[in-house]
Amino acid sequence: FTAVSGTFIYQNGVELGSIANARNAAMAETAGTNGLDGNPVFLDRSI
């Protein structure tokens, strides 16, 4: 499960939609870490 990561909103077990762009290995390093390399995730707006 290392191809893409994504963030979604769910309510009562049903998906209501995505809330962020999908992330893959080509994501810019300045955007943060996406967890696809097995390390913890951290993404913010500082850069």
PDB file of all heavy atoms in Angstrom:
ATOM      1  N   PHE A   1       0.828  -1.213   0.000  1.00  0.00           N
ATOM      2  CA  PHE A   1       0.000   0.000   0.000  1.00  0.00           C
ATOM      3  C   PHE A   1       0.866   1.268   0.000  1.00  0.00           C
ATOM      4  O   PHE A   1       0.737   2.128   0.877  1.00  0.00           O
ATOM      5  CB  PHE A   1      -0.929  -0.018   1.223  1.00  0.00           C
ATOM      6  CG  PHE A   1      -1.725  -1.288   1.325  1.00  0.00           C
ATOM      7  CD1 PHE A   1      -1.382  -2.269   2.248  1.00  0.00           C
ATOM      8  CD2 PHE A   1      -2.792  -1.524   0.480  1.00  0.00           C
ATOM      9  CE1 PHE A   1      -2.101  -3.446   2.341  1.00  0.00           C
ATOM     10  CE2 PHE A   1      -3.529  -2.708   0.569  1.00  0.00           C
ATOM     11  CZ  PHE A   1      -3.182  -3.670   1.490  1.00  0.00           C
ATOM     12  N   THR A   2       1.738   1.363  -1.010  1.00  0.00           N
ATOM     13  CA  THR A   2       2.705   2.459  -1.049  1.00  0.00           C
ATOM     14  C   THR A   2       2.622   3.282  -2.332  1.00  0.00           C
ATOM     15  O   THR A   2       3.549   4.028  -2.656  1.00  0.00           O
ATOM     16  CB  THR A   2       4.132   1.892  -0.907  1.00  0.00           C
ATOM     17  OG1 THR A   2       4.354   0.922  -1.950  1.00  0.00           O
ATOM     18  CG2 THR A   2       4.332   1.235   0.449  1.00  0.00           C
ATOM     19  N   ALA A   3       1.501   3.163  -3.051  1.00  0.00           N
ATOM     20  CA  ALA A   3       1.392   3.880  -4.330  1.00  0.00           C
ATOM     21  C   ALA A   3       0.927   5.316  -4.143  1.00  0.00           C
ATOM     22  O   ALA A   3       1.524   6.258  -4.686  1.00  0.00           O
ATOM     23  CB  ALA A   3       0.448   3.135  -5.270  1.00  0.00           C
ATOM     24  N   VAL A   4      -0.134   5.503  -3.390  1.00  0.00           N
ATOM     25  CA  VAL A   4      -0.757   6.821  -3.225  1.00  0.00           C
ATOM     26  C   VAL A   4      -1.343   6.903  -1.825  1.00  0.00           C
ATOM     27  O   VAL A   4      -1.781   5.891  -1.263  1.00  0.00           O
ATOM     28  CB  VAL A   4      -1.888   7.042  -4.265  1.00  0.00           C
ATOM     29  CG1 VAL A   4      -2.569   8.396  -4.060  1.00  0.00           C
ATOM     30  CG2 VAL A   4      -1.345   6.951  -5.682  1.00  0.00           C
ATOM     31  N   SER A   5      -1.354   8.108  -1.240  1.00  0.00           N
ATOM     32  CA  SER A   5      -2.085   8.332   0.004  1.00  0.00           C
ATOM     33  C   SER A   5      -3.096   9.445  -0.218  1.00  0.00           C
ATOM     34  O   SER A   5      -2.876  10.345  -1.035  1.00  0.00           O
ATOM     35  CB  SER A   5      -1.138   8.682   1.153  1.00  0.00           C
ATOM     36  OG  SER A   5      -0.524   9.938   0.952  1.00  0.00           O
ATOM     37  N   GLY A   6      -4.210   9.372   0.506  1.00  0.00           N
ATOM     38  CA  GLY A   6      -5.252  10.381   0.355  1.00  0.00           C
ATOM     39  C   GLY A   6      -6.022  10.597   1.638  1.00  0.00           C
ATOM     40  O   GLY A   6      -6.013   9.734   2.535  1.00  0.00           O
ATOM     41  N   THR A   7      -6.688  11.742   1.746  1.00  0.00           N
ATOM     42  CA  THR A   7      -7.438  12.096   2.949  1.00  0.00           C
ATOM     43  C   THR A   7      -8.900  12.298   2.579  1.00  0.00           C
ATOM     44  O   THR A   7      -9.208  13.037   1.639  1.00  0.00           O
ATOM     45  CB  THR A   7      -6.882  13.378   3.584  1.00  0.00           C
ATOM     46  OG1 THR A   7      -5.461  13.282   3.666  1.00  0.00           O
ATOM     47  CG2 THR A   7      -7.440  13.591   4.975  1.00  0.00           C
ATOM     48  N   PHE A   8      -9.793  11.673   3.365  1.00  0.00           N
ATOM     49  CA  PHE A   8     -11.221  11.673   3.049  1.00  0.00           C
ATOM     50  C   PHE A   8     -12.049  11.937   4.299  1.00  0.00           C
ATOM     51  O   PHE A   8     -11.610  11.688   5.424  1.00  0.00           O
ATOM     52  CB  PHE A   8     -11.631  10.326   2.437  1.00  0.00           C
ATOM     53  CG  PHE A   8     -10.933  10.010   1.155  1.00  0.00           C
ATOM     54  CD1 PHE A   8      -9.673   9.421   1.172  1.00  0.00           C
ATOM     55  CD2 PHE A   8     -11.514  10.312  -0.063  1.00  0.00           C
ATOM     56  CE1 PHE A   8      -9.005   9.126  -0.005  1.00  0.00           C
ATOM     57  CE2 PHE A   8     -10.848  10.018  -1.251  1.00  0.00           C
ATOM     58  CZ  PHE A   8      -9.605   9.434  -1.230  1.00  0.00           C
ATOM     59  N   ILE A   9     -13.268  12.411   4.061  1.00  0.00           N
ATOM     60  CA  ILE A   9     -14.236  12.629   5.129  1.00  0.00           C
ATOM     61  C   ILE A   9     -15.267  11.508   5.063  1.00  0.00           C
ATOM     62  O   ILE A   9     -15.810  11.213   3.986  1.00  0.00           O
ATOM     63  CB  ILE A   9     -14.934  13.999   4.984  1.00  0.00           C
ATOM     64  CG1 ILE A   9     -13.898  15.127   5.019  1.00  0.00           C
ATOM     65  CG2 ILE A   9     -15.977  14.174   6.092  1.00  0.00           C
ATOM     66  CD1 ILE A   9     -13.111  15.222   6.301  1.00  0.00           C
ATOM     67  N   TYR A  10     -15.541  10.888   6.210  1.00  0.00           N
ATOM     68  CA  TYR A  10     -16.554   9.833   6.308  1.00  0.00           C
ATOM     69  C   TYR A  10     -17.540  10.193   7.419  1.00  0.00           C
ATOM     70  O   TYR A  10     -17.173  10.799   8.427  1.00  0.00           O
ATOM     71  CB  TYR A  10     -15.908   8.490   6.634  1.00  0.00           C
ATOM     72  CG  TYR A  10     -15.399   7.741   5.426  1.00  0.00           C
ATOM     73  CD1 TYR A  10     -14.253   8.160   4.762  1.00  0.00           C
ATOM     74  CD2 TYR A  10     -16.077   6.627   4.947  1.00  0.00           C
ATOM     75  CE1 TYR A  10     -13.786   7.484   3.654  1.00  0.00           C
ATOM     76  CE2 TYR A  10     -15.609   5.940   3.835  1.00  0.00           C
ATOM     77  CZ  TYR A  10     -14.466   6.365   3.188  1.00  0.00           C
ATOM     78  OH  TYR A  10     -14.021   5.689   2.083  1.00  0.00           O
ATOM     79  N   GLN A  11     -18.787   9.794   7.208  1.00  0.00           N
ATOM     80  CA  GLN A  11     -19.794   9.951   8.253  1.00  0.00           C
ATOM     81  C   GLN A  11     -20.716   8.735   8.215  1.00  0.00           C
ATOM     82  O   GLN A  11     -21.214   8.355   7.144  1.00  0.00           O
ATOM     83  CB  GLN A  11     -20.603  11.240   8.059  1.00  0.00           C
ATOM     84  CG  GLN A  11     -21.447  11.598   9.283  1.00  0.00           C
ATOM     85  CD  GLN A  11     -21.975  13.018   9.211  1.00  0.00           C
ATOM     86  OE1 GLN A  11     -22.463  13.465   8.172  1.00  0.00           O
ATOM     87  NE2 GLN A  11     -21.877  13.746  10.329  1.00  0.00           N
ATOM     88  N   ASN A  12     -20.910   8.118   9.376  1.00  0.00           N
ATOM     89  CA  ASN A  12     -21.720   6.904   9.485  1.00  0.00           C
ATOM     90  C   ASN A  12     -21.217   5.810   8.529  1.00  0.00           C
ATOM     91  O   ASN A  12     -22.000   5.051   7.960  1.00  0.00           O
ATOM     92  CB  ASN A  12     -23.194   7.205   9.210  1.00  0.00           C
ATOM     93  CG  ASN A  12     -23.767   8.199  10.186  1.00  0.00           C
ATOM     94  OD1 ASN A  12     -23.487   8.139  11.376  1.00  0.00           O
ATOM     95  ND2 ASN A  12     -24.576   9.125   9.685  1.00  0.00           N
ATOM     96  N   GLY A  13     -19.886   5.753   8.353  1.00  0.00           N
ATOM     97  CA  GLY A  13     -19.292   4.730   7.520  1.00  0.00           C
ATOM     98  C   GLY A  13     -19.370   4.981   6.037  1.00  0.00           C
ATOM     99  O   GLY A  13     -18.956   4.141   5.235  1.00  0.00           O
ATOM    100  N   VAL A  14     -19.877   6.137   5.620  1.00  0.00           N
ATOM    101  CA  VAL A  14     -20.036   6.449   4.200  1.00  0.00           C
ATOM    102  C   VAL A  14     -19.111   7.600   3.820  1.00  0.00           C
ATOM    103  O   VAL A  14     -19.039   8.614   4.532  1.00  0.00           O
ATOM    104  CB  VAL A  14     -21.500   6.821   3.887  1.00  0.00           C
ATOM    105  CG1 VAL A  14     -21.648   7.219   2.414  1.00  0.00           C
ATOM    106  CG2 VAL A  14     -22.427   5.656   4.226  1.00  0.00           C
ATOM    107  N   GLU A  15     -18.416   7.443   2.691  1.00  0.00           N
ATOM    108  CA  GLU A  15     -17.522   8.500   2.228  1.00  0.00           C
ATOM    109  C   GLU A  15     -18.313   9.704   1.728  1.00  0.00           C
ATOM    110  O   GLU A  15     -19.254   9.567   0.947  1.00  0.00           O
ATOM    111  CB  GLU A  15     -16.626   7.991   1.103  1.00  0.00           C
ATOM    112  CG  GLU A  15     -15.642   9.048   0.606  1.00  0.00           C
ATOM    113  CD  GLU A  15     -15.132   8.777  -0.792  1.00  0.00           C
ATOM    114  OE1 GLU A  15     -15.027   7.600  -1.165  1.00  0.00           O
ATOM    115  OE2 GLU A  15     -14.854   9.759  -1.502  1.00  0.00           O
ATOM    116  N   LEU A  16     -17.908  10.917   2.165  1.00  0.00           N
ATOM    117  CA  LEU A  16     -18.537  12.150   1.720  1.00  0.00           C
ATOM    118  C   LEU A  16     -17.675  12.920   0.724  1.00  0.00           C
ATOM    119  O   LEU A  16     -18.145  13.891   0.134  1.00  0.00           O
ATOM    120  CB  LEU A  16     -18.859  13.053   2.917  1.00  0.00           C
ATOM    121  CG  LEU A  16     -19.737  12.439   4.019  1.00  0.00           C
ATOM    122  CD1 LEU A  16     -20.089  13.489   5.050  1.00  0.00           C
ATOM    123  CD2 LEU A  16     -20.987  11.796   3.449  1.00  0.00           C
ATOM    124  N   GLY A  17     -16.412  12.513   0.568  1.00  0.00           N
ATOM    125  CA  GLY A  17     -15.550  13.175  -0.399  1.00  0.00           C
ATOM    126  C   GLY A  17     -14.134  13.342   0.104  1.00  0.00           C
ATOM    127  O   GLY A  17     -13.856  13.202   1.298  1.00  0.00           O
ATOM    128  N   SER A  18     -13.231  13.643  -0.838  1.00  0.00           N
ATOM    129  CA  SER A  18     -11.842  13.886  -0.461  1.00  0.00           C
ATOM    130  C   SER A  18     -11.690  15.310   0.051  1.00  0.00           C
ATOM    131  O   SER A  18     -12.492  16.197  -0.259  1.00  0.00           O
ATOM    132  CB  SER A  18     -10.920  13.662  -1.661  1.00  0.00           C
ATOM    133  OG  SER A  18     -11.172  14.642  -2.659  1.00  0.00           O
ATOM    134  N   ILE A  19     -10.634  15.540   0.844  1.00  0.00           N
ATOM    135  CA  ILE A  19     -10.407  16.854   1.445  1.00  0.00           C
ATOM    136  C   ILE A  19      -8.993  17.345   1.179  1.00  0.00           C
ATOM    137  O   ILE A  19      -8.579  18.390   1.686  1.00  0.00           O
ATOM    138  CB  ILE A  19     -10.697  16.817   2.969  1.00  0.00           C
ATOM    139  CG1 ILE A  19     -10.856  18.233   3.559  1.00  0.00           C
ATOM    140  CG2 ILE A  19      -9.637  16.007   3.709  1.00  0.00           C
ATOM    141  CD1 ILE A  19     -12.072  18.949   3.059  1.00  0.00           C
ATOM    142  N   ALA A  20      -8.203  16.588   0.350  1.00  0.00           N
ATOM    143  CA  ALA A  20      -6.824  16.983   0.034  1.00  0.00           C
ATOM    144  C   ALA A  20      -6.415  16.346  -1.290  1.00  0.00           C
ATOM    145  O   ALA A  20      -7.010  15.354  -1.729  1.00  0.00           O
ATOM    146  CB  ALA A  20      -5.864  16.558   1.143  1.00  0.00           C
ATOM    147  N   ASN A  21      -5.405  16.912  -1.917  1.00  0.00           N
ATOM    148  CA  ASN A  21      -4.838  16.292  -3.115  1.00  0.00           C
ATOM    149  C   ASN A  21      -4.218  14.941  -2.774  1.00  0.00           C
ATOM    150  O   ASN A  21      -3.662  14.756  -1.682  1.00  0.00           O
ATOM    151  CB  ASN A  21      -3.749  17.187  -3.714  1.00  0.00           C
ATOM    152  CG  ASN A  21      -4.309  18.405  -4.409  1.00  0.00           C
ATOM    153  OD1 ASN A  21      -5.507  18.677  -4.323  1.00  0.00           O
ATOM    154  ND2 ASN A  21      -3.439  19.149  -5.086  1.00  0.00           N
ATOM    155  N   ALA A  22      -4.309  14.011  -3.734  1.00  0.00           N
ATOM    156  CA  ALA A  22      -3.630  12.733  -3.565  1.00  0.00           C
ATOM    157  C   ALA A  22      -2.126  12.955  -3.557  1.00  0.00           C
ATOM    158  O   ALA A  22      -1.617  13.889  -4.167  1.00  0.00           O
ATOM    159  CB  ALA A  22      -4.020  11.787  -4.689  1.00  0.00           C
ATOM    160  N   ARG A  23      -1.422  12.066  -2.851  1.00  0.00           N
ATOM    161  CA  ARG A  23       0.028  12.218  -2.707  1.00  0.00           C
ATOM    162  C   ARG A  23       0.714  10.962  -3.226  1.00  0.00           C
ATOM    163  O   ARG A  23       0.305   9.845  -2.896  1.00  0.00           O
ATOM    164  CB  ARG A  23       0.386  12.431  -1.232  1.00  0.00           C
ATOM    165  CG  ARG A  23      -0.520  13.458  -0.544  1.00  0.00           C
ATOM    166  CD  ARG A  23      -0.392  13.377   0.966  1.00  0.00           C
ATOM    167  NE  ARG A  23      -1.422  14.153   1.629  1.00  0.00           N
ATOM    168  CZ  ARG A  23      -2.585  13.640   2.052  1.00  0.00           C
ATOM    169  NH1 ARG A  23      -2.842  12.361   1.880  1.00  0.00           N
ATOM    170  NH2 ARG A  23      -3.475  14.412   2.641  1.00  0.00           N
ATOM    171  N   ASN A  24       1.758  11.146  -4.033  1.00  0.00           N
ATOM    172  CA  ASN A  24       2.548  10.009  -4.487  1.00  0.00           C
ATOM    173  C   ASN A  24       4.027  10.308  -4.281  1.00  0.00           C
ATOM    174  O   ASN A  24       4.389  11.328  -3.700  1.00  0.00           O
ATOM    175  CB  ASN A  24       2.233   9.660  -5.945  1.00  0.00           C
ATOM    176  CG  ASN A  24       2.519  10.830  -6.883  1.00  0.00           C
ATOM    177  OD1 ASN A  24       3.309  11.719  -6.566  1.00  0.00           O
ATOM    178  ND2 ASN A  24       1.869  10.832  -8.033  1.00  0.00           N
ATOM    179  N   ALA A  25       4.872   9.424  -4.764  1.00  0.00           N
ATOM    180  CA  ALA A  25       6.303   9.570  -4.534  1.00  0.00           C
ATOM    181  C   ALA A  25       6.877  10.807  -5.193  1.00  0.00           C
ATOM    182  O   ALA A  25       7.958  11.281  -4.814  1.00  0.00           O
ATOM    183  CB  ALA A  25       7.033   8.322  -5.036  1.00  0.00           C
ATOM    184  N   ALA A  26       6.168  11.364  -6.209  1.00  0.00           N
ATOM    185  CA  ALA A  26       6.667  12.547  -6.908  1.00  0.00           C
ATOM    186  C   ALA A  26       6.287  13.851  -6.210  1.00  0.00           C
ATOM    187  O   ALA A  26       6.634  14.936  -6.684  1.00  0.00           O
ATOM    188  CB  ALA A  26       6.126  12.556  -8.340  1.00  0.00           C
ATOM    189  N   MET A  27       5.592  13.766  -5.068  1.00  0.00           N
ATOM    190  CA  MET A  27       5.203  14.974  -4.344  1.00  0.00           C
ATOM    191  C   MET A  27       6.440  15.771  -3.925  1.00  0.00           C
ATOM    192  O   MET A  27       7.448  15.200  -3.508  1.00  0.00           O
ATOM    193  CB  MET A  27       4.403  14.583  -3.096  1.00  0.00           C
ATOM    194  CG  MET A  27       3.824  15.749  -2.315  1.00  0.00           C
ATOM    195  SD  MET A  27       3.160  15.235  -0.711  1.00  0.00           S
ATOM    196  CE  MET A  27       4.680  15.104   0.240  1.00  0.00           C
ATOM    197  N   ALA A  28       6.379  17.094  -4.047  1.00  0.00           N
ATOM    198  CA  ALA A  28       7.520  17.948  -3.710  1.00  0.00           C
ATOM    199  C   ALA A  28       7.897  17.774  -2.240  1.00  0.00           C
ATOM    200  O   ALA A  28       7.035  17.707  -1.363  1.00  0.00           O
ATOM    201  CB  ALA A  28       7.182  19.399  -4.004  1.00  0.00           C
ATOM    202  N   GLU A  29       9.198  17.707  -1.965  1.00  0.00           N
ATOM    203  CA  GLU A  29       9.678  17.539  -0.593  1.00  0.00           C
ATOM    204  C   GLU A  29       9.258  18.698   0.293  1.00  0.00           C
ATOM    205  O   GLU A  29       9.051  18.533   1.497  1.00  0.00           O
ATOM    206  CB  GLU A  29      11.195  17.402  -0.586  1.00  0.00           C
ATOM    207  CG  GLU A  29      11.702  16.109  -1.199  1.00  0.00           C
ATOM    208  CD  GLU A  29      13.203  15.976  -1.064  1.00  0.00           C
ATOM    209  OE1 GLU A  29      13.818  16.891  -0.466  1.00  0.00           O
ATOM    210  OE2 GLU A  29      13.764  14.972  -1.538  1.00  0.00           O
ATOM    211  N   THR A  30       9.150  19.888  -0.301  1.00  0.00           N
ATOM    212  CA  THR A  30       8.767  21.065   0.500  1.00  0.00           C
ATOM    213  C   THR A  30       7.333  20.979   0.993  1.00  0.00           C
ATOM    214  O   THR A  30       6.927  21.740   1.874  1.00  0.00           O
ATOM    215  CB  THR A  30       8.953  22.352  -0.320  1.00  0.00           C
ATOM    216  OG1 THR A  30       8.267  22.206  -1.573  1.00  0.00           O
ATOM    217  CG2 THR A  30      10.423  22.632  -0.570  1.00  0.00           C
ATOM    218  N   ALA A  31       6.543  20.060   0.419  1.00  0.00           N
ATOM    219  CA  ALA A  31       5.150  19.904   0.869  1.00  0.00           C
ATOM    220  C   ALA A  31       5.074  19.092   2.157  1.00  0.00           C
ATOM    221  O   ALA A  31       4.076  19.155   2.865  1.00  0.00           O
ATOM    222  CB  ALA A  31       4.317  19.246  -0.225  1.00  0.00           C
ATOM    223  N   GLY A  32       6.117  18.314   2.458  1.00  0.00           N
ATOM    224  CA  GLY A  32       6.130  17.509   3.676  1.00  0.00           C
ATOM    225  C   GLY A  32       6.408  16.059   3.386  1.00  0.00           C
ATOM    226  O   GLY A  32       6.902  15.695   2.316  1.00  0.00           O
ATOM    227  N   THR A  33       6.105  15.193   4.323  1.00  0.00           N
ATOM    228  CA  THR A  33       6.278  13.750   4.171  1.00  0.00           C
ATOM    229  C   THR A  33       4.902  13.104   4.097  1.00  0.00           C
ATOM    230  O   THR A  33       4.000  13.443   4.877  1.00  0.00           O
ATOM    231  CB  THR A  33       7.072  13.153   5.339  1.00  0.00           C
ATOM    232  OG1 THR A  33       6.385  13.448   6.574  1.00  0.00           O
ATOM    233  CG2 THR A  33       8.459  13.758   5.410  1.00  0.00           C
ATOM    234  N   ASN A  34       4.732  12.142   3.169  1.00  0.00           N
ATOM    235  CA  ASN A  34       3.395  11.592   2.920  1.00  0.00           C
ATOM    236  C   ASN A  34       3.195  10.185   3.454  1.00  0.00           C
ATOM    237  O   ASN A  34       2.118   9.614   3.326  1.00  0.00           O
ATOM    238  CB  ASN A  34       3.081  11.609   1.423  1.00  0.00           C
ATOM    239  CG  ASN A  34       4.153  10.916   0.594  1.00  0.00           C
ATOM    240  OD1 ASN A  34       4.783   9.971   1.054  1.00  0.00           O
ATOM    241  ND2 ASN A  34       4.367  11.403  -0.628  1.00  0.00           N
ATOM    242  N   GLY A  35       4.218   9.583   4.041  1.00  0.00           N
ATOM    243  CA  GLY A  35       4.089   8.264   4.651  1.00  0.00           C
ATOM    244  C   GLY A  35       4.290   7.099   3.723  1.00  0.00           C
ATOM    245  O   GLY A  35       4.315   5.942   4.172  1.00  0.00           O
ATOM    246  N   LEU A  36       4.428   7.338   2.416  1.00  0.00           N
ATOM    247  CA  LEU A  36       4.537   6.242   1.457  1.00  0.00           C
ATOM    248  C   LEU A  36       5.868   5.505   1.547  1.00  0.00           C
ATOM    249  O   LEU A  36       5.988   4.382   1.053  1.00  0.00           O
ATOM    250  CB  LEU A  36       4.321   6.774   0.037  1.00  0.00           C
ATOM    251  CG  LEU A  36       2.932   7.379  -0.212  1.00  0.00           C
ATOM    252  CD1 LEU A  36       2.854   7.989  -1.603  1.00  0.00           C
ATOM    253  CD2 LEU A  36       1.842   6.326  -0.018  1.00  0.00           C
ATOM    254  N   ASP A  37       6.857   6.110   2.197  1.00  0.00           N
ATOM    255  CA  ASP A  37       8.152   5.444   2.383  1.00  0.00           C
ATOM    256  C   ASP A  37       8.213   4.674   3.698  1.00  0.00           C
ATOM    257  O   ASP A  37       9.265   4.172   4.097  1.00  0.00           O
ATOM    258  CB  ASP A  37       9.290   6.460   2.319  1.00  0.00           C
ATOM    259  CG  ASP A  37       9.159   7.538   3.393  1.00  0.00           C
ATOM    260  OD1 ASP A  37       8.142   7.532   4.137  1.00  0.00           O
ATOM    261  OD2 ASP A  37      10.052   8.404   3.474  1.00  0.00           O
ATOM    262  N   GLY A  38       7.086   4.572   4.393  1.00  0.00           N
ATOM    263  CA  GLY A  38       7.036   3.842   5.659  1.00  0.00           C
ATOM    264  C   GLY A  38       7.259   4.701   6.878  1.00  0.00           C
ATOM    265  O   GLY A  38       7.063   4.241   8.012  1.00  0.00           O
ATOM    266  N   ASN A  39       7.670   5.956   6.672  1.00  0.00           N
ATOM    267  CA  ASN A  39       7.890   6.865   7.798  1.00  0.00           C
ATOM    268  C   ASN A  39       6.602   7.606   8.150  1.00  0.00           C
ATOM    269  O   ASN A  39       5.684   7.690   7.335  1.00  0.00           O
ATOM    270  CB  ASN A  39       8.997   7.861   7.446  1.00  0.00           C
ATOM    271  CG  ASN A  39      10.351   7.195   7.338  1.00  0.00           C
ATOM    272  OD1 ASN A  39      10.737   6.424   8.206  1.00  0.00           O
ATOM    273  ND2 ASN A  39      11.062   7.483   6.242  1.00  0.00           N
ATOM    274  N   PRO A  40       6.520   8.182   9.363  1.00  0.00           N
ATOM    275  CA  PRO A  40       5.336   8.947   9.745  1.00  0.00           C
ATOM    276  C   PRO A  40       5.089  10.129   8.802  1.00  0.00           C
ATOM    277  O   PRO A  40       5.992  10.605   8.115  1.00  0.00           O
ATOM    278  CB  PRO A  40       5.661   9.423  11.169  1.00  0.00           C
ATOM    279  CG  PRO A  40       6.656   8.436  11.670  1.00  0.00           C
ATOM    280  CD  PRO A  40       7.480   8.047  10.482  1.00  0.00           C
ATOM    281  N   VAL A  41       3.865  10.604   8.830  1.00  0.00           N
ATOM    282  CA  VAL A  41       3.424  11.700   7.951  1.00  0.00           C
ATOM    283  C   VAL A  41       3.512  13.021   8.688  1.00  0.00           C
ATOM    284  O   VAL A  41       3.177  13.105   9.878  1.00  0.00           O
ATOM    285  CB  VAL A  41       1.964  11.460   7.505  1.00  0.00           C
ATOM    286  CG1 VAL A  41       1.433  12.666   6.728  1.00  0.00           C
ATOM    287  CG2 VAL A  41       1.859  10.188   6.703  1.00  0.00           C
ATOM    288  N   PHE A  42       3.969  14.057   7.979  1.00  0.00           N
ATOM    289  CA  PHE A  42       3.800  15.418   8.481  1.00  0.00           C
ATOM    290  C   PHE A  42       3.721  16.371   7.287  1.00  0.00           C
ATOM    291  O   PHE A  42       4.643  16.452   6.478  1.00  0.00           O
ATOM    292  CB  PHE A  42       4.933  15.866   9.398  1.00  0.00           C
ATOM    293  CG  PHE A  42       4.697  17.247   9.938  1.00  0.00           C
ATOM    294  CD1 PHE A  42       3.736  17.468  10.913  1.00  0.00           C
ATOM    295  CD2 PHE A  42       5.396  18.334   9.442  1.00  0.00           C
ATOM    296  CE1 PHE A  42       3.484  18.742  11.399  1.00  0.00           C
ATOM    297  CE2 PHE A  42       5.147  19.622   9.928  1.00  0.00           C
ATOM    298  CZ  PHE A  42       4.197  19.819  10.907  1.00  0.00           C
ATOM    299  N   LEU A  43       2.611  17.078   7.212  1.00  0.00           N
ATOM    300  CA  LEU A  43       2.367  18.044   6.134  1.00  0.00           C
ATOM    301  C   LEU A  43       1.836  19.320   6.752  1.00  0.00           C
ATOM    302  O   LEU A  43       0.933  19.278   7.597  1.00  0.00           O
ATOM    303  CB  LEU A  43       1.327  17.486   5.147  1.00  0.00           C
ATOM    304  CG  LEU A  43       1.681  16.177   4.443  1.00  0.00           C
ATOM    305  CD1 LEU A  43       0.415  15.424   4.057  1.00  0.00           C
ATOM    306  CD2 LEU A  43       2.527  16.446   3.215  1.00  0.00           C
ATOM    307  N   ASP A  44       2.404  20.477   6.355  1.00  0.00           N
ATOM    308  CA  ASP A  44       1.883  21.734   6.863  1.00  0.00           C
ATOM    309  C   ASP A  44       2.062  22.826   5.816  1.00  0.00           C
ATOM    310  O   ASP A  44       2.470  22.567   4.683  1.00  0.00           O
ATOM    311  CB  ASP A  44       2.545  22.115   8.193  1.00  0.00           C
ATOM    312  CG  ASP A  44       4.017  22.487   8.048  1.00  0.00           C
ATOM    313  OD1 ASP A  44       4.534  22.475   6.913  1.00  0.00           O
ATOM    314  OD2 ASP A  44       4.652  22.782   9.071  1.00  0.00           O
ATOM    315  N   ARG A  45       1.750  24.046   6.193  1.00  0.00           N
ATOM    316  CA  ARG A  45       1.791  25.179   5.260  1.00  0.00           C
ATOM    317  C   ARG A  45       2.956  26.122   5.552  1.00  0.00           C
ATOM    318  O   ARG A  45       2.958  27.273   5.092  1.00  0.00           O
ATOM    319  CB  ARG A  45       0.470  25.946   5.320  1.00  0.00           C
ATOM    320  CG  ARG A  45      -0.739  25.086   5.012  1.00  0.00           C
ATOM    321  CD  ARG A  45      -2.045  25.887   5.002  1.00  0.00           C
ATOM    322  NE  ARG A  45      -3.170  24.997   4.841  1.00  0.00           N
ATOM    323  CZ  ARG A  45      -3.597  24.518   3.658  1.00  0.00           C
ATOM    324  NH1 ARG A  45      -2.968  24.872   2.558  1.00  0.00           N
ATOM    325  NH2 ARG A  45      -4.632  23.702   3.600  1.00  0.00           N
ATOM    326  N   SER A  46       3.949  25.665   6.297  1.00  0.00           N
ATOM    327  CA  SER A  46       5.044  26.560   6.686  1.00  0.00           C
ATOM    328  C   SER A  46       5.892  26.993   5.501  1.00  0.00           C
ATOM    329  O   SER A  46       6.395  28.126   5.476  1.00  0.00           O
ATOM    330  CB  SER A  46       5.928  25.877   7.740  1.00  0.00           C
ATOM    331  OG  SER A  46       6.493  24.683   7.215  1.00  0.00           O
ATOM    332  N   ILE A  47       6.061  26.129   4.500  1.00  0.00           N
ATOM    333  CA  ILE A  47       6.854  26.475   3.318  1.00  0.00           C
ATOM    334  C   ILE A  47       5.943  26.830   2.142  1.00  0.00           C
ATOM    335  O   ILE A  47       6.208  27.781   1.401  1.00  0.00           O
ATOM    336  CB  ILE A  47       7.796  25.313   2.939  1.00  0.00           C
ATOM    337  CG1 ILE A  47       8.783  25.052   4.088  1.00  0.00           C
ATOM    338  CG2 ILE A  47       8.561  25.624   1.655  1.00  0.00           C
ATOM    339  CD1 ILE A  47       9.703  23.879   3.854  1.00  0.00           C
TER     340      ILE A  47
END
